[in-house]
Amino acid sequence: FRIGQVEHDFGWVEVGTTAGPQLTDITNIGQAPVTVSMAGGAAGGDFQVSQNCQGVTLDVGESCQLFLRFSPTTFGPKEATSNFSINGHPASVRLLGVGHYLSPPACTILGTSGPDVLIGTIGPDVICGFGGNDEIKGMGGNDVIFGGNGFDRLYGGAGTDYIEGNGKGDFIMGGYGADTIIGGRGNDELRGANGHDEIFGNGGNDQLFGGNGNDELFGGTGVDTCDGGPGSNIVMGC
């Protein structure tokens, strides 16, 4: 058998929705027809795997398929592996995706139209700065932070955080954990600190710093500079 695509990246998918299916072909490259006996395949987490192979007889050159879907339940980068066997032969497919918010979830800590200092709790928070030049600190927990308009300073703290500036020119620092950091239309300084971070500059002339860990940096539409830091990093658009 030949396994077709062994890595599938769904990209950004809105939390609470489903992307896919993406397909992987499993092809009989032998010299005679064979009936498929398939075991395993579940990826777990936010990825779903189904197939139409079990019990099917494939002539030489014919294929059956794996159907792969991604349904993020929380923000941030996701990864899983679908391990299975075909007639006793082990195989695997790697699955990647990023959960993100198309629109903000319900805010638990709200700012005003002016400058605010907003501090999160030790648990998960959704902090929304709205207007003004805000300073926001997520502290503990897996936080969601939206700076809003203005020149904001946003700090994730501990946990796996989703931080979005969307202002005129923001400073964003991730912290400990695998953070998703998104700049806005201004000239932003975006820093990942520790953990496997994904950093997106978007508009403006941005500075992106991965920090420690294996980071992914994507510059955007402006004239951007990127420094992945230690680790095995992916850098694009800089």
C-alpha atoms as a PDB file:
ATOM      1  CA  PHE A   1       0.000   0.000   0.000  1.00  0.00           C
ATOM      2  CA  ARG A   2       1.026   3.588  -0.565  1.00  0.00           C
ATOM      3  CA  ILE A   3      -0.178   6.310   1.806  1.00  0.00           C
ATOM      4  CA  GLY A   4      -0.775   9.591  -0.004  1.00  0.00           C
ATOM      5  CA  GLN A   5      -0.433  12.821   1.963  1.00  0.00           C
ATOM      6  CA  VAL A   6       1.032  12.056   5.396  1.00  0.00           C
ATOM      7  CA  GLU A   7       0.695  15.561   6.873  1.00  0.00           C
ATOM      8  CA  HIS A   8      -2.405  17.757   6.780  1.00  0.00           C
ATOM      9  CA  ASP A   9      -2.424  21.377   7.964  1.00  0.00           C
ATOM     10  CA  PHE A  10      -5.915  22.853   8.293  1.00  0.00           C
ATOM     11  CA  GLY A  11      -4.601  26.339   9.018  1.00  0.00           C
ATOM     12  CA  TRP A  12      -6.793  28.722  11.002  1.00  0.00           C
ATOM     13  CA  VAL A  13     -10.272  27.467  11.823  1.00  0.00           C
ATOM     14  CA  GLU A  14     -12.808  29.343  13.919  1.00  0.00           C
ATOM     15  CA  VAL A  15     -13.440  27.816  17.338  1.00  0.00           C
ATOM     16  CA  GLY A  16     -16.721  25.909  17.354  1.00  0.00           C
ATOM     17  CA  THR A  17     -16.711  25.138  13.616  1.00  0.00           C
ATOM     18  CA  THR A  18     -15.430  22.208  11.560  1.00  0.00           C
ATOM     19  CA  ALA A  19     -12.998  22.248   8.633  1.00  0.00           C
ATOM     20  CA  GLY A  20     -12.641  19.476   6.115  1.00  0.00           C
ATOM     21  CA  PRO A  21     -12.733  16.823   5.150  1.00  0.00           C
ATOM     22  CA  GLN A  22      -9.231  16.617   3.768  1.00  0.00           C
ATOM     23  CA  LEU A  23      -8.444  13.310   2.099  1.00  0.00           C
ATOM     24  CA  THR A  24      -5.551  10.876   2.153  1.00  0.00           C
ATOM     25  CA  ASP A  25      -5.546   8.128  -0.464  1.00  0.00           C
ATOM     26  CA  ILE A  26      -4.489   4.593   0.417  1.00  0.00           C
ATOM     27  CA  THR A  27      -3.513   2.867  -2.820  1.00  0.00           C
ATOM     28  CA  ASN A  28      -2.895  -0.774  -3.656  1.00  0.00           C
ATOM     29  CA  ILE A  29       0.541  -0.772  -5.302  1.00  0.00           C
ATOM     30  CA  GLY A  30       0.895  -4.550  -5.190  1.00  0.00           C
ATOM     31  CA  GLN A  31       0.528  -7.026  -8.025  1.00  0.00           C
ATOM     32  CA  ALA A  32      -2.883  -8.455  -7.174  1.00  0.00           C
ATOM     33  CA  PRO A  33      -6.236  -7.378  -5.709  1.00  0.00           C
ATOM     34  CA  VAL A  34      -6.313  -7.190  -1.910  1.00  0.00           C
ATOM     35  CA  THR A  35      -9.053  -6.839   0.685  1.00  0.00           C
ATOM     36  CA  VAL A  36      -8.269  -4.123   3.191  1.00  0.00           C
ATOM     37  CA  SER A  37      -8.160  -4.912   6.901  1.00  0.00           C
ATOM     38  CA  MET A  38      -7.731  -1.633   8.754  1.00  0.00           C
ATOM     39  CA  ALA A  39      -7.346  -1.025  12.505  1.00  0.00           C
ATOM     40  CA  GLY A  40      -6.944   2.107  14.594  1.00  0.00           C
ATOM     41  CA  GLY A  41      -6.889   5.589  13.128  1.00  0.00           C
ATOM     42  CA  ALA A  42      -8.468   7.722  15.844  1.00  0.00           C
ATOM     43  CA  ALA A  43      -6.492  10.942  16.386  1.00  0.00           C
ATOM     44  CA  GLY A  44      -8.291  12.276  19.449  1.00  0.00           C
ATOM     45  CA  GLY A  45      -8.465  15.854  20.595  1.00  0.00           C
ATOM     46  CA  ASP A  46     -10.016  18.243  18.092  1.00  0.00           C
ATOM     47  CA  PHE A  47      -9.357  16.044  15.050  1.00  0.00           C
ATOM     48  CA  GLN A  48     -11.712  13.433  13.612  1.00  0.00           C
ATOM     49  CA  VAL A  49     -10.731  10.594  11.298  1.00  0.00           C
ATOM     50  CA  SER A  50     -13.027   8.307   9.319  1.00  0.00           C
ATOM     51  CA  GLN A  51     -12.396   5.994   6.362  1.00  0.00           C
ATOM     52  CA  ASN A  52     -14.037   3.934   3.648  1.00  0.00           C
ATOM     53  CA  CYS A  53     -11.332   1.265   3.480  1.00  0.00           C
ATOM     54  CA  GLN A  54     -12.295  -1.494   5.909  1.00  0.00           C
ATOM     55  CA  GLY A  55     -13.375  -4.639   4.070  1.00  0.00           C
ATOM     56  CA  VAL A  56     -13.029  -3.075   0.615  1.00  0.00           C
ATOM     57  CA  THR A  57     -11.254  -5.045  -2.117  1.00  0.00           C
ATOM     58  CA  LEU A  58      -8.869  -2.839  -4.091  1.00  0.00           C
ATOM     59  CA  ASP A  59      -7.643  -3.820  -7.519  1.00  0.00           C
ATOM     60  CA  VAL A  60      -4.075  -2.919  -8.423  1.00  0.00           C
ATOM     61  CA  GLY A  61      -3.841   0.885  -8.587  1.00  0.00           C
ATOM     62  CA  GLU A  62      -7.183   1.482  -6.851  1.00  0.00           C
ATOM     63  CA  SER A  63      -7.512   3.593  -3.697  1.00  0.00           C
ATOM     64  CA  CYS A  64      -9.677   4.073  -0.654  1.00  0.00           C
ATOM     65  CA  GLN A  65      -9.614   7.174   1.539  1.00  0.00           C
ATOM     66  CA  LEU A  66      -9.114   8.587   5.000  1.00  0.00           C
ATOM     67  CA  PHE A  67     -11.399  11.560   5.738  1.00  0.00           C
ATOM     68  CA  LEU A  68      -9.813  14.076   8.114  1.00  0.00           C
ATOM     69  CA  ARG A  69     -11.604  16.908   9.926  1.00  0.00           C
ATOM     70  CA  PHE A  70     -10.611  19.604  12.406  1.00  0.00           C
ATOM     71  CA  SER A  71     -13.106  20.989  14.954  1.00  0.00           C
ATOM     72  CA  PRO A  72     -11.241  23.261  17.398  1.00  0.00           C
ATOM     73  CA  THR A  73     -12.923  23.646  20.765  1.00  0.00           C
ATOM     74  CA  THR A  74     -10.379  26.142  22.106  1.00  0.00           C
ATOM     75  CA  PHE A  75      -7.972  28.668  20.624  1.00  0.00           C
ATOM     76  CA  GLY A  76      -4.342  28.016  19.797  1.00  0.00           C
ATOM     77  CA  PRO A  77      -2.224  25.536  17.835  1.00  0.00           C
ATOM     78  CA  LYS A  78      -3.341  21.897  17.797  1.00  0.00           C
ATOM     79  CA  GLU A  79      -1.499  18.774  16.745  1.00  0.00           C
ATOM     80  CA  ALA A  80      -2.334  15.073  16.671  1.00  0.00           C
ATOM     81  CA  THR A  81      -1.289  11.878  14.912  1.00  0.00           C
ATOM     82  CA  SER A  82      -3.588   9.276  13.423  1.00  0.00           C
ATOM     83  CA  ASN A  83      -1.891   5.904  13.889  1.00  0.00           C
ATOM     84  CA  PHE A  84      -3.373   2.906  12.102  1.00  0.00           C
ATOM     85  CA  SER A  85      -2.462  -0.367  10.440  1.00  0.00           C
ATOM     86  CA  ILE A  86      -3.357  -1.676   6.994  1.00  0.00           C
ATOM     87  CA  ASN A  87      -3.285  -5.444   6.702  1.00  0.00           C
ATOM     88  CA  GLY A  88      -0.833  -5.482   9.582  1.00  0.00           C
ATOM     89  CA  HIS A  89       1.455  -2.728   8.248  1.00  0.00           C
ATOM     90  CA  PRO A  90       1.745   0.359  10.513  1.00  0.00           C
ATOM     91  CA  ALA A  91       1.166   3.846   9.111  1.00  0.00           C
ATOM     92  CA  SER A  92       0.434   7.324  10.414  1.00  0.00           C
ATOM     93  CA  VAL A  93      -0.809  10.751   9.327  1.00  0.00           C
ATOM     94  CA  ARG A  94       0.118  13.968  11.149  1.00  0.00           C
ATOM     95  CA  LEU A  95      -2.620  16.563  11.710  1.00  0.00           C
ATOM     96  CA  LEU A  96      -2.152  20.280  12.403  1.00  0.00           C
ATOM     97  CA  GLY A  97      -4.432  23.274  12.858  1.00  0.00           C
ATOM     98  CA  VAL A  98      -4.985  26.496  14.776  1.00  0.00           C
ATOM     99  CA  GLY A  99      -8.193  27.367  16.592  1.00  0.00           C
ATOM    100  CA  HIS A 100      -8.993  31.077  16.478  1.00  0.00           C
ATOM    101  CA  TYR A 101     -11.855  33.461  17.159  1.00  0.00           C
ATOM    102  CA  LEU A 102     -13.561  35.191  14.238  1.00  0.00           C
ATOM    103  CA  SER A 103     -15.441  37.302  16.761  1.00  0.00           C
ATOM    104  CA  PRO A 104     -14.624  37.796  20.450  1.00  0.00           C
ATOM    105  CA  PRO A 105     -16.192  35.396  22.944  1.00  0.00           C
ATOM    106  CA  ALA A 106     -18.074  36.854  25.894  1.00  0.00           C
ATOM    107  CA  CYS A 107     -15.756  39.142  27.846  1.00  0.00           C
ATOM    108  CA  THR A 108     -15.306  38.413  31.548  1.00  0.00           C
ATOM    109  CA  ILE A 109     -13.200  41.523  32.219  1.00  0.00           C
ATOM    110  CA  LEU A 110     -14.121  44.658  30.275  1.00  0.00           C
ATOM    111  CA  GLY A 111     -12.346  47.913  29.680  1.00  0.00           C
ATOM    112  CA  THR A 112     -13.765  51.249  28.609  1.00  0.00           C
ATOM    113  CA  SER A 113     -13.346  53.638  25.694  1.00  0.00           C
ATOM    114  CA  GLY A 114     -10.444  55.245  27.575  1.00  0.00           C
ATOM    115  CA  PRO A 115      -7.082  53.975  28.848  1.00  0.00           C
ATOM    116  CA  ASP A 116      -7.436  51.014  31.212  1.00  0.00           C
ATOM    117  CA  VAL A 117      -5.269  48.757  33.348  1.00  0.00           C
ATOM    118  CA  LEU A 118      -6.894  45.314  33.391  1.00  0.00           C
ATOM    119  CA  ILE A 119      -5.565  42.373  35.407  1.00  0.00           C
ATOM    120  CA  GLY A 120      -6.756  38.809  34.991  1.00  0.00           C
ATOM    121  CA  THR A 121      -7.123  36.070  37.585  1.00  0.00           C
ATOM    122  CA  ILE A 122      -5.323  32.790  38.192  1.00  0.00           C
ATOM    123  CA  GLY A 123      -7.937  31.076  36.019  1.00  0.00           C
ATOM    124  CA  PRO A 124      -8.965  31.458  32.368  1.00  0.00           C
ATOM    125  CA  ASP A 125     -10.166  34.961  31.489  1.00  0.00           C
ATOM    126  CA  VAL A 126     -11.514  36.768  28.439  1.00  0.00           C
ATOM    127  CA  ILE A 127     -10.227  40.331  28.751  1.00  0.00           C
ATOM    128  CA  CYS A 128     -11.380  43.036  26.338  1.00  0.00           C
ATOM    129  CA  GLY A 129      -9.707  46.423  26.322  1.00  0.00           C
ATOM    130  CA  PHE A 130     -11.872  48.214  23.745  1.00  0.00           C
ATOM    131  CA  GLY A 131     -10.739  51.827  23.145  1.00  0.00           C
ATOM    132  CA  GLY A 132      -7.849  53.745  24.652  1.00  0.00           C
ATOM    133  CA  ASN A 133      -4.231  52.894  25.320  1.00  0.00           C
ATOM    134  CA  ASP A 134      -4.622  49.872  27.575  1.00  0.00           C
ATOM    135  CA  GLU A 135      -2.338  47.721  29.688  1.00  0.00           C
ATOM    136  CA  ILE A 136      -3.669  44.191  30.111  1.00  0.00           C
ATOM    137  CA  LYS A 137      -2.145  41.271  32.006  1.00  0.00           C
ATOM    138  CA  GLY A 138      -3.694  37.833  31.770  1.00  0.00           C
ATOM    139  CA  MET A 139      -1.791  36.332  34.720  1.00  0.00           C
ATOM    140  CA  GLY A 140      -2.589  32.614  35.258  1.00  0.00           C
ATOM    141  CA  GLY A 141      -4.832  30.354  33.210  1.00  0.00           C
ATOM    142  CA  ASN A 142      -5.439  30.042  29.485  1.00  0.00           C
ATOM    143  CA  ASP A 143      -6.529  33.574  28.666  1.00  0.00           C
ATOM    144  CA  VAL A 144      -8.052  35.340  25.678  1.00  0.00           C
ATOM    145  CA  ILE A 145      -6.992  38.985  25.417  1.00  0.00           C
ATOM    146  CA  PHE A 146      -8.249  41.594  22.950  1.00  0.00           C
ATOM    147  CA  GLY A 147      -6.550  44.971  23.077  1.00  0.00           C
ATOM    148  CA  GLY A 148      -8.935  46.878  20.845  1.00  0.00           C
ATOM    149  CA  ASN A 149      -8.148  50.314  19.428  1.00  0.00           C
ATOM    150  CA  GLY A 150      -5.248  52.301  20.788  1.00  0.00           C
ATOM    151  CA  PHE A 151      -1.594  51.726  21.571  1.00  0.00           C
ATOM    152  CA  ASP A 152      -1.827  48.777  23.936  1.00  0.00           C
ATOM    153  CA  ARG A 153       0.578  46.753  26.069  1.00  0.00           C
ATOM    154  CA  LEU A 154      -0.660  43.176  26.409  1.00  0.00           C
ATOM    155  CA  TYR A 155       0.889  40.410  28.531  1.00  0.00           C
ATOM    156  CA  GLY A 156      -0.324  36.819  28.522  1.00  0.00           C
ATOM    157  CA  GLY A 157       1.410  35.466  31.621  1.00  0.00           C
ATOM    158  CA  ALA A 158       1.281  31.781  32.493  1.00  0.00           C
ATOM    159  CA  GLY A 159      -0.883  29.439  30.445  1.00  0.00           C
ATOM    160  CA  THR A 160      -1.682  28.954  26.778  1.00  0.00           C
ATOM    161  CA  ASP A 161      -2.953  32.364  25.724  1.00  0.00           C
ATOM    162  CA  TYR A 162      -4.602  33.923  22.670  1.00  0.00           C
ATOM    163  CA  ILE A 163      -3.643  37.595  22.404  1.00  0.00           C
ATOM    164  CA  GLU A 164      -4.856  39.922  19.669  1.00  0.00           C
ATOM    165  CA  GLY A 165      -3.822  43.567  19.422  1.00  0.00           C
ATOM    166  CA  ASN A 166      -5.886  45.007  16.566  1.00  0.00           C
ATOM    167  CA  GLY A 167      -4.802  48.524  17.493  1.00  0.00           C
ATOM    168  CA  LYS A 168      -2.641  51.323  16.143  1.00  0.00           C
ATOM    169  CA  GLY A 169       0.654  49.845  17.299  1.00  0.00           C
ATOM    170  CA  ASP A 170       0.855  47.363  20.156  1.00  0.00           C
ATOM    171  CA  PHE A 171       3.425  45.660  22.350  1.00  0.00           C
ATOM    172  CA  ILE A 172       2.448  42.047  23.035  1.00  0.00           C
ATOM    173  CA  MET A 173       4.321  39.557  25.217  1.00  0.00           C
ATOM    174  CA  GLY A 174       3.182  35.949  25.429  1.00  0.00           C
ATOM    175  CA  GLY A 175       4.768  34.349  28.490  1.00  0.00           C
ATOM    176  CA  TYR A 176       4.936  30.725  29.591  1.00  0.00           C
ATOM    177  CA  GLY A 177       2.951  28.393  27.376  1.00  0.00           C
ATOM    178  CA  ALA A 178       2.151  27.871  23.699  1.00  0.00           C
ATOM    179  CA  ASP A 179       0.685  31.247  22.807  1.00  0.00           C
ATOM    180  CA  THR A 180      -1.056  32.602  19.723  1.00  0.00           C
ATOM    181  CA  ILE A 181      -0.144  36.265  19.214  1.00  0.00           C
ATOM    182  CA  ILE A 182      -1.763  38.400  16.530  1.00  0.00           C
ATOM    183  CA  GLY A 183      -0.832  41.955  15.661  1.00  0.00           C
ATOM    184  CA  GLY A 184      -3.081  44.493  14.011  1.00  0.00           C
ATOM    185  CA  ARG A 185      -2.939  47.237  11.422  1.00  0.00           C
ATOM    186  CA  GLY A 186      -0.230  49.227  13.214  1.00  0.00           C
ATOM    187  CA  ASN A 187       3.502  48.777  13.743  1.00  0.00           C
ATOM    188  CA  ASP A 188       3.609  46.136  16.460  1.00  0.00           C
ATOM    189  CA  GLU A 189       6.269  44.521  18.621  1.00  0.00           C
ATOM    190  CA  LEU A 190       5.271  40.907  19.225  1.00  0.00           C
ATOM    191  CA  ARG A 191       7.218  38.625  21.567  1.00  0.00           C
ATOM    192  CA  GLY A 192       6.577  34.965  22.232  1.00  0.00           C
ATOM    193  CA  ALA A 193       8.829  34.319  25.294  1.00  0.00           C
ATOM    194  CA  ASN A 194       8.746  30.613  26.303  1.00  0.00           C
ATOM    195  CA  GLY A 195       6.832  27.794  24.650  1.00  0.00           C
ATOM    196  CA  HIS A 196       5.807  26.856  21.109  1.00  0.00           C
ATOM    197  CA  ASP A 197       4.320  30.150  19.924  1.00  0.00           C
ATOM    198  CA  GLU A 198       2.563  31.208  16.744  1.00  0.00           C
ATOM    199  CA  ILE A 199       2.988  34.904  15.971  1.00  0.00           C
ATOM    200  CA  PHE A 200       1.237  36.804  13.171  1.00  0.00           C
ATOM    201  CA  GLY A 201       2.161  40.376  12.296  1.00  0.00           C
ATOM    202  CA  ASN A 202      -0.712  41.161   9.894  1.00  0.00           C
ATOM    203  CA  GLY A 203      -0.681  44.850   8.859  1.00  0.00           C
ATOM    204  CA  GLY A 204       2.021  47.412   9.575  1.00  0.00           C
ATOM    205  CA  ASN A 205       5.782  47.190   9.870  1.00  0.00           C
ATOM    206  CA  ASP A 206       6.149  44.723  12.715  1.00  0.00           C
ATOM    207  CA  GLN A 207       8.897  43.206  14.835  1.00  0.00           C
ATOM    208  CA  LEU A 208       8.382  39.537  15.708  1.00  0.00           C
ATOM    209  CA  PHE A 209      10.455  37.661  18.287  1.00  0.00           C
ATOM    210  CA  GLY A 210       9.855  33.979  18.962  1.00  0.00           C
ATOM    211  CA  GLY A 211      11.893  33.605  22.143  1.00  0.00           C
ATOM    212  CA  ASN A 212      12.557  30.123  23.472  1.00  0.00           C
ATOM    213  CA  GLY A 213      10.858  27.100  21.946  1.00  0.00           C
ATOM    214  CA  ASN A 214       9.968  25.987  18.426  1.00  0.00           C
ATOM    215  CA  ASP A 215       8.063  28.987  17.103  1.00  0.00           C
ATOM    216  CA  GLU A 216       6.222  29.957  13.931  1.00  0.00           C
ATOM    217  CA  LEU A 217       6.487  33.592  12.810  1.00  0.00           C
ATOM    218  CA  PHE A 218       4.423  35.068   9.966  1.00  0.00           C
ATOM    219  CA  GLY A 219       5.154  38.674   9.093  1.00  0.00           C
ATOM    220  CA  GLY A 220       2.187  39.927   7.098  1.00  0.00           C
ATOM    221  CA  THR A 221       1.700  42.773   4.626  1.00  0.00           C
ATOM    222  CA  GLY A 222       4.238  45.329   5.868  1.00  0.00           C
ATOM    223  CA  VAL A 223       8.021  45.512   6.054  1.00  0.00           C
ATOM    224  CA  ASP A 224       8.583  43.166   8.985  1.00  0.00           C
ATOM    225  CA  THR A 225      11.585  41.835  10.882  1.00  0.00           C
ATOM    226  CA  CYS A 226      11.572  38.409  12.499  1.00  0.00           C
ATOM    227  CA  ASP A 227      13.856  36.693  14.997  1.00  0.00           C
ATOM    228  CA  GLY A 228      12.826  33.152  15.852  1.00  0.00           C
ATOM    229  CA  GLY A 229      15.314  32.757  18.696  1.00  0.00           C
ATOM    230  CA  PRO A 230      16.535  29.376  19.975  1.00  0.00           C
ATOM    231  CA  GLY A 231      14.780  26.267  18.709  1.00  0.00           C
ATOM    232  CA  SER A 232      13.539  24.929  15.381  1.00  0.00           C
ATOM    233  CA  ASN A 233      11.524  27.829  14.017  1.00  0.00           C
ATOM    234  CA  ILE A 234       9.430  28.533  10.934  1.00  0.00           C
ATOM    235  CA  VAL A 235       9.703  32.107   9.646  1.00  0.00           C
ATOM    236  CA  MET A 236       7.700  33.469   6.706  1.00  0.00           C
ATOM    237  CA  GLY A 237       6.866  36.908   5.350  1.00  0.00           C
ATOM    238  CA  CYS A 238       9.851  38.703   6.879  1.00  0.00           C
END
